[in-house]
Amino acid sequence: MNQVIFLGTGGARVLVFKQLLASGGLWIEQADTHISLDPGPGALVQAAKRKLDPTKLDAIILSHRHLDHSADVNVMTEAMTTGGFNKRGLLLAPRDAYEDDPVLLRYLRDYLKQTLVIEEGGSYQIGDVTVHSPIRHDHPGEVYGFVFESPGCRWSSIADPRYFPALADHSRAAVIVLHTVRLEESDIYHLSIPDAKRLIEAIKPQTAIITHFGMTVWRAKPWEVAERLSQETGIKVIAARDGMRFELPGDQMGED
């Protein structure tokens, strides 16, 4: 079964600091490949709580180096490689996650079988899953969204950008996961709920999932926000919950 497991739905500093919602990112099981996407604070604890075995991971992917997306990358790398005794696994991350102020400790790099740098327009093979990084996001530092593709299954994750129209063209899939920090539009470099509506209407997926909530979305009750988006767009919109498992459907949508 192809599925995404939400090891946390919290985003933005205050909500993460208070742990009003968990912040462990996504656990992906697709085409017999296991991937940790954006292991933020508590990813390892949340994986254990959900009876997921990080020693079985094939890869860890970071959309960017900010702590709510990367804080547990070191402990997840330790776990994936069984403390370095089993040299295996891949880390895929932007260049600035490796350089002057790296989020991955240098001694851990030798534990991994491979480290790769994300580039705009890149494609990377992890088992039978092809991970595309079609366009750099408009956000401080290097930030990328992804399209995950395997036979019969294609879905996308849009990380932490400020909205720009080209996002829709590069994120088309049957399922889209939108990291929606803000309830209303602002000058802050994060997606808002109105931005999510624009993307949903442009992409027209089978299902859209909102997650990575900031305080304003959380106070507005994400499940009610998702219901309003469903009514307004005519698309099924789900508000992710901590620990939610979502089965990925077969994708009938073509490539970009």
Protein backbone atom coordinates (compact mmCIF):
# COMPACT_ATOMS: atom_id res chain seq x y z
CA MET A 1 0.00 0.00 0.00
CA ASN A 2 1.23 3.47 -0.88
CA GLN A 3 0.60 5.83 2.02
CA VAL A 4 1.66 9.04 3.74
CA ILE A 5 1.72 9.13 7.54
CA PHE A 6 1.66 12.52 9.23
CA LEU A 7 4.13 12.50 12.12
CA GLY A 8 3.04 16.01 12.95
CA THR A 9 0.87 18.78 11.59
CA GLY A 10 2.38 21.72 13.45
CA GLY A 11 4.27 24.53 11.75
CA ALA A 12 5.47 28.02 12.72
CA ARG A 13 7.61 28.72 15.74
CA VAL A 14 5.18 29.28 18.60
CA LEU A 15 3.00 26.28 17.88
CA VAL A 16 6.07 24.05 17.49
CA PHE A 17 7.76 25.38 20.64
CA LYS A 18 4.62 24.66 22.67
CA GLN A 19 4.06 21.33 20.90
CA LEU A 20 0.36 22.01 20.63
CA LEU A 21 0.68 19.76 17.61
CA ALA A 22 3.44 17.31 16.81
CA SER A 23 6.10 18.40 14.31
CA GLY A 24 7.73 15.26 12.92
CA GLY A 25 7.05 15.80 9.21
CA LEU A 26 5.87 13.06 6.86
CA TRP A 27 6.63 9.35 6.71
CA ILE A 28 6.20 8.04 3.17
CA GLU A 29 5.70 4.41 2.16
CA GLN A 30 5.59 4.15 -1.62
CA ALA A 31 6.60 1.33 -3.97
CA ASP A 32 8.21 -0.57 -1.07
CA THR A 33 10.36 2.49 -0.35
CA HIS A 34 10.39 4.27 3.02
CA ILE A 35 11.18 7.98 3.22
CA SER A 36 11.23 10.52 6.03
CA LEU A 37 10.32 13.95 4.64
CA ASP A 38 11.22 16.97 6.77
CA PRO A 39 11.88 15.29 10.14
CA GLY A 40 11.20 18.23 12.42
CA PRO A 41 11.32 18.23 16.24
CA GLY A 42 10.09 14.91 17.62
CA ALA A 43 10.17 12.91 14.39
CA LEU A 44 11.89 9.94 16.03
CA VAL A 45 9.51 9.94 19.00
CA GLN A 46 6.48 10.18 16.73
CA ALA A 47 7.76 7.35 14.54
CA ALA A 48 8.18 5.12 17.58
CA LYS A 49 4.74 6.11 18.85
CA ARG A 50 3.26 5.03 15.51
CA LYS A 51 5.27 1.75 15.53
CA LEU A 52 7.32 2.82 12.50
CA ASP A 53 10.87 1.48 12.32
CA PRO A 54 13.41 4.16 11.27
CA THR A 55 16.09 1.50 10.71
CA LYS A 56 14.01 0.51 7.65
CA LEU A 57 14.18 3.97 6.08
CA ASP A 58 15.68 4.22 2.61
CA ALA A 59 16.06 7.99 2.58
CA ILE A 60 15.60 11.25 4.42
CA ILE A 61 14.59 14.33 2.42
CA LEU A 62 14.73 17.94 3.57
CA SER A 63 12.77 20.60 1.74
CA HIS A 64 14.93 23.14 3.58
CA ARG A 65 17.13 23.61 6.62
CA HIS A 66 14.76 25.46 8.98
CA LEU A 67 14.39 23.68 12.29
CA ASP A 68 10.70 22.87 12.00
CA HIS A 69 11.68 20.79 8.95
CA SER A 70 15.10 19.47 9.93
CA ALA A 71 15.63 19.36 13.70
CA ASP A 72 15.61 15.55 13.89
CA VAL A 73 17.67 14.88 10.77
CA ASN A 74 20.68 13.80 12.83
CA VAL A 75 18.89 11.34 15.08
CA MET A 76 16.92 9.95 12.12
CA THR A 77 20.19 9.47 10.24
CA GLU A 78 21.63 7.63 13.26
CA ALA A 79 18.55 5.43 13.35
CA MET A 80 18.45 4.76 9.61
CA THR A 81 22.08 3.58 9.72
CA THR A 82 21.78 1.75 13.07
CA GLY A 83 24.26 4.14 14.63
CA GLY A 84 26.63 3.86 11.69
CA PHE A 85 27.02 0.09 11.92
CA ASN A 86 24.98 -0.34 8.74
CA LYS A 87 26.19 2.06 6.06
CA ARG A 88 23.04 2.68 4.08
CA GLY A 89 20.44 5.20 3.09
CA LEU A 90 20.34 8.51 1.26
CA LEU A 91 20.04 12.10 2.40
CA LEU A 92 18.61 14.51 -0.16
CA ALA A 93 18.83 18.16 0.90
CA PRO A 94 19.52 21.65 -0.45
CA ARG A 95 23.13 22.77 -0.66
CA ASP A 96 22.88 25.18 2.26
CA ALA A 97 21.91 22.27 4.54
CA TYR A 98 25.43 20.87 4.04
CA GLU A 99 27.65 23.94 3.93
CA ASP A 100 28.86 26.64 6.36
CA ASP A 101 26.25 26.05 9.05
CA PRO A 102 25.15 22.49 8.26
CA VAL A 103 22.12 20.85 9.81
CA LEU A 104 23.66 17.39 9.36
CA LEU A 105 26.61 16.81 11.67
CA ARG A 106 29.71 16.05 9.67
CA TYR A 107 30.56 12.78 11.41
CA LEU A 108 27.21 11.35 10.36
CA ARG A 109 27.87 11.81 6.66
CA ASP A 110 30.11 8.75 6.57
CA TYR A 111 27.25 6.69 7.98
CA LEU A 112 25.20 7.27 4.86
CA LYS A 113 25.55 5.42 1.60
CA GLN A 114 24.93 8.64 -0.33
CA THR A 115 24.24 12.35 0.09
CA LEU A 116 22.74 14.34 -2.77
CA VAL A 117 22.21 18.07 -3.29
CA ILE A 118 18.80 19.19 -4.50
CA GLU A 119 18.79 21.40 -7.56
CA GLU A 120 15.93 23.11 -9.35
CA GLY A 121 14.57 20.81 -12.04
CA GLY A 122 16.29 17.78 -10.53
CA SER A 123 15.10 14.18 -10.46
CA TYR A 124 16.41 11.61 -7.98
CA GLN A 125 15.84 7.88 -7.78
CA ILE A 126 15.11 6.26 -4.41
CA GLY A 127 14.24 2.62 -4.94
CA ASP A 128 11.29 2.61 -7.34
CA VAL A 129 10.31 6.18 -6.45
CA THR A 130 11.43 9.12 -8.56
CA VAL A 131 11.56 12.38 -6.61
CA HIS A 132 11.33 15.55 -8.68
CA SER A 133 12.29 19.02 -7.40
CA PRO A 134 10.71 21.03 -10.21
CA ILE A 135 11.05 24.61 -8.96
CA ARG A 136 12.73 26.49 -6.14
CA HIS A 137 10.28 28.02 -3.67
CA ASP A 138 10.10 31.69 -2.74
CA HIS A 139 11.25 31.48 0.89
CA PRO A 140 14.39 32.47 2.81
CA GLY A 141 17.25 30.09 2.03
CA GLU A 142 17.02 27.21 -0.42
CA VAL A 143 13.59 25.62 -0.33
CA TYR A 144 12.06 23.03 -2.66
CA GLY A 145 8.79 21.24 -3.10
CA PHE A 146 8.63 17.73 -4.49
CA VAL A 147 6.68 15.45 -6.79
CA PHE A 148 6.88 11.79 -5.80
CA GLU A 149 6.30 9.38 -8.65
CA SER A 150 6.22 5.60 -8.93
CA PRO A 151 4.27 3.25 -11.22
CA GLY A 152 0.61 4.19 -10.84
CA CYS A 153 1.16 6.79 -8.13
CA ARG A 154 2.02 10.49 -8.32
CA TRP A 155 1.58 13.12 -5.62
CA SER A 156 3.19 16.40 -4.62
CA SER A 157 4.25 18.26 -1.51
CA ILE A 158 4.43 22.05 -1.51
CA ALA A 159 6.61 23.20 1.38
CA ASP A 160 6.95 26.70 2.83
CA PRO A 161 6.86 29.22 0.00
CA ARG A 162 5.28 32.56 -0.54
CA TYR A 163 2.66 32.00 -3.22
CA PHE A 164 3.61 32.47 -6.84
CA PRO A 165 1.54 31.29 -9.83
CA ALA A 166 4.16 28.91 -11.27
CA LEU A 167 3.79 26.70 -8.19
CA ALA A 168 0.63 25.18 -9.64
CA ASP A 169 2.21 24.30 -12.97
CA HIS A 170 5.05 22.44 -11.25
CA SER A 171 2.99 20.63 -8.60
CA ARG A 172 0.30 18.87 -10.60
CA ALA A 173 -0.68 15.50 -9.18
CA ALA A 174 -3.69 13.52 -8.02
CA VAL A 175 -2.91 14.41 -4.40
CA ILE A 176 -1.27 17.60 -3.17
CA VAL A 177 -0.04 18.28 0.36
CA LEU A 178 0.00 21.97 1.20
CA HIS A 179 1.96 23.41 4.14
CA THR A 180 -0.42 26.17 5.17
CA VAL A 181 0.99 28.19 8.06
CA ARG A 182 -1.16 31.32 7.78
CA LEU A 183 -4.92 31.79 7.92
CA GLU A 184 -4.84 35.09 6.04
CA GLU A 185 -2.51 36.53 3.42
CA SER A 186 0.49 38.47 4.70
CA ASP A 187 3.99 39.54 3.71
CA ILE A 188 5.45 36.55 5.58
CA TYR A 189 7.04 33.91 3.33
CA HIS A 190 4.47 31.18 4.02
CA LEU A 191 1.40 29.84 2.29
CA SER A 192 -1.93 31.10 3.57
CA ILE A 193 -5.36 29.52 3.24
CA PRO A 194 -6.29 31.88 0.37
CA ASP A 195 -3.06 30.78 -1.36
CA ALA A 196 -4.05 27.15 -0.86
CA LYS A 197 -7.41 27.89 -2.47
CA ARG A 198 -5.68 29.40 -5.52
CA LEU A 199 -3.43 26.36 -5.88
CA ILE A 200 -6.27 23.88 -5.45
CA GLU A 201 -8.37 25.64 -8.06
CA ALA A 202 -5.44 25.77 -10.50
CA ILE A 203 -4.21 22.19 -10.01
CA LYS A 204 -7.62 20.51 -9.57
CA PRO A 205 -6.29 17.42 -7.75
CA GLN A 206 -8.45 14.55 -6.62
CA THR A 207 -7.57 15.42 -3.02
CA ALA A 208 -5.79 18.29 -1.31
CA ILE A 209 -4.42 17.91 2.22
CA ILE A 210 -3.55 20.93 4.37
CA THR A 211 -0.98 20.57 7.14
CA HIS A 212 1.87 22.40 8.94
CA PHE A 213 -0.49 24.76 10.69
CA GLY A 214 0.47 27.97 12.42
CA MET A 215 -1.44 29.37 15.37
CA THR A 216 -3.91 31.32 13.26
CA VAL A 217 -5.00 28.22 11.34
CA TRP A 218 -5.07 26.13 14.49
CA ARG A 219 -7.32 28.62 16.28
CA ALA A 220 -9.63 28.63 13.26
CA LYS A 221 -10.00 24.80 13.55
CA PRO A 222 -8.28 23.26 10.50
CA TRP A 223 -11.04 20.71 9.94
CA GLU A 224 -13.54 23.55 9.54
CA VAL A 225 -11.14 25.45 7.28
CA ALA A 226 -10.77 22.33 5.12
CA GLU A 227 -14.55 21.92 4.88
CA ARG A 228 -14.94 25.51 3.69
CA LEU A 229 -12.21 24.99 1.08
CA SER A 230 -13.99 21.86 -0.13
CA GLN A 231 -17.24 23.76 -0.54
CA GLU A 232 -15.58 26.72 -2.27
CA THR A 233 -13.40 24.72 -4.69
CA GLY A 234 -15.46 21.59 -5.32
CA ILE A 235 -12.32 19.55 -4.50
CA LYS A 236 -12.00 17.18 -1.56
CA VAL A 237 -9.84 18.99 1.03
CA ILE A 238 -8.67 17.25 4.19
CA ALA A 239 -7.05 18.78 7.26
CA ALA A 240 -4.29 16.41 8.33
CA ARG A 241 -4.23 15.17 11.92
CA ASP A 242 -1.25 14.01 13.94
CA GLY A 243 -0.78 10.33 13.15
CA MET A 244 -3.16 10.35 10.17
CA ARG A 245 -2.50 7.73 7.52
CA PHE A 246 -3.56 8.64 4.01
CA GLU A 247 -3.64 5.98 1.31
CA LEU A 248 -2.35 7.35 -1.98
CA PRO A 249 -4.61 6.56 -4.94
CA GLY A 250 -3.45 5.63 -8.41
CA ASP A 251 -2.60 8.79 -10.35
CA GLN A 252 -4.17 9.33 -13.73
CA MET A 253 -2.62 12.76 -14.25
CA GLY A 254 0.15 13.19 -16.78
CA GLU A 255 3.59 14.66 -16.35
CA ASP A 256 4.19 18.42 -16.35
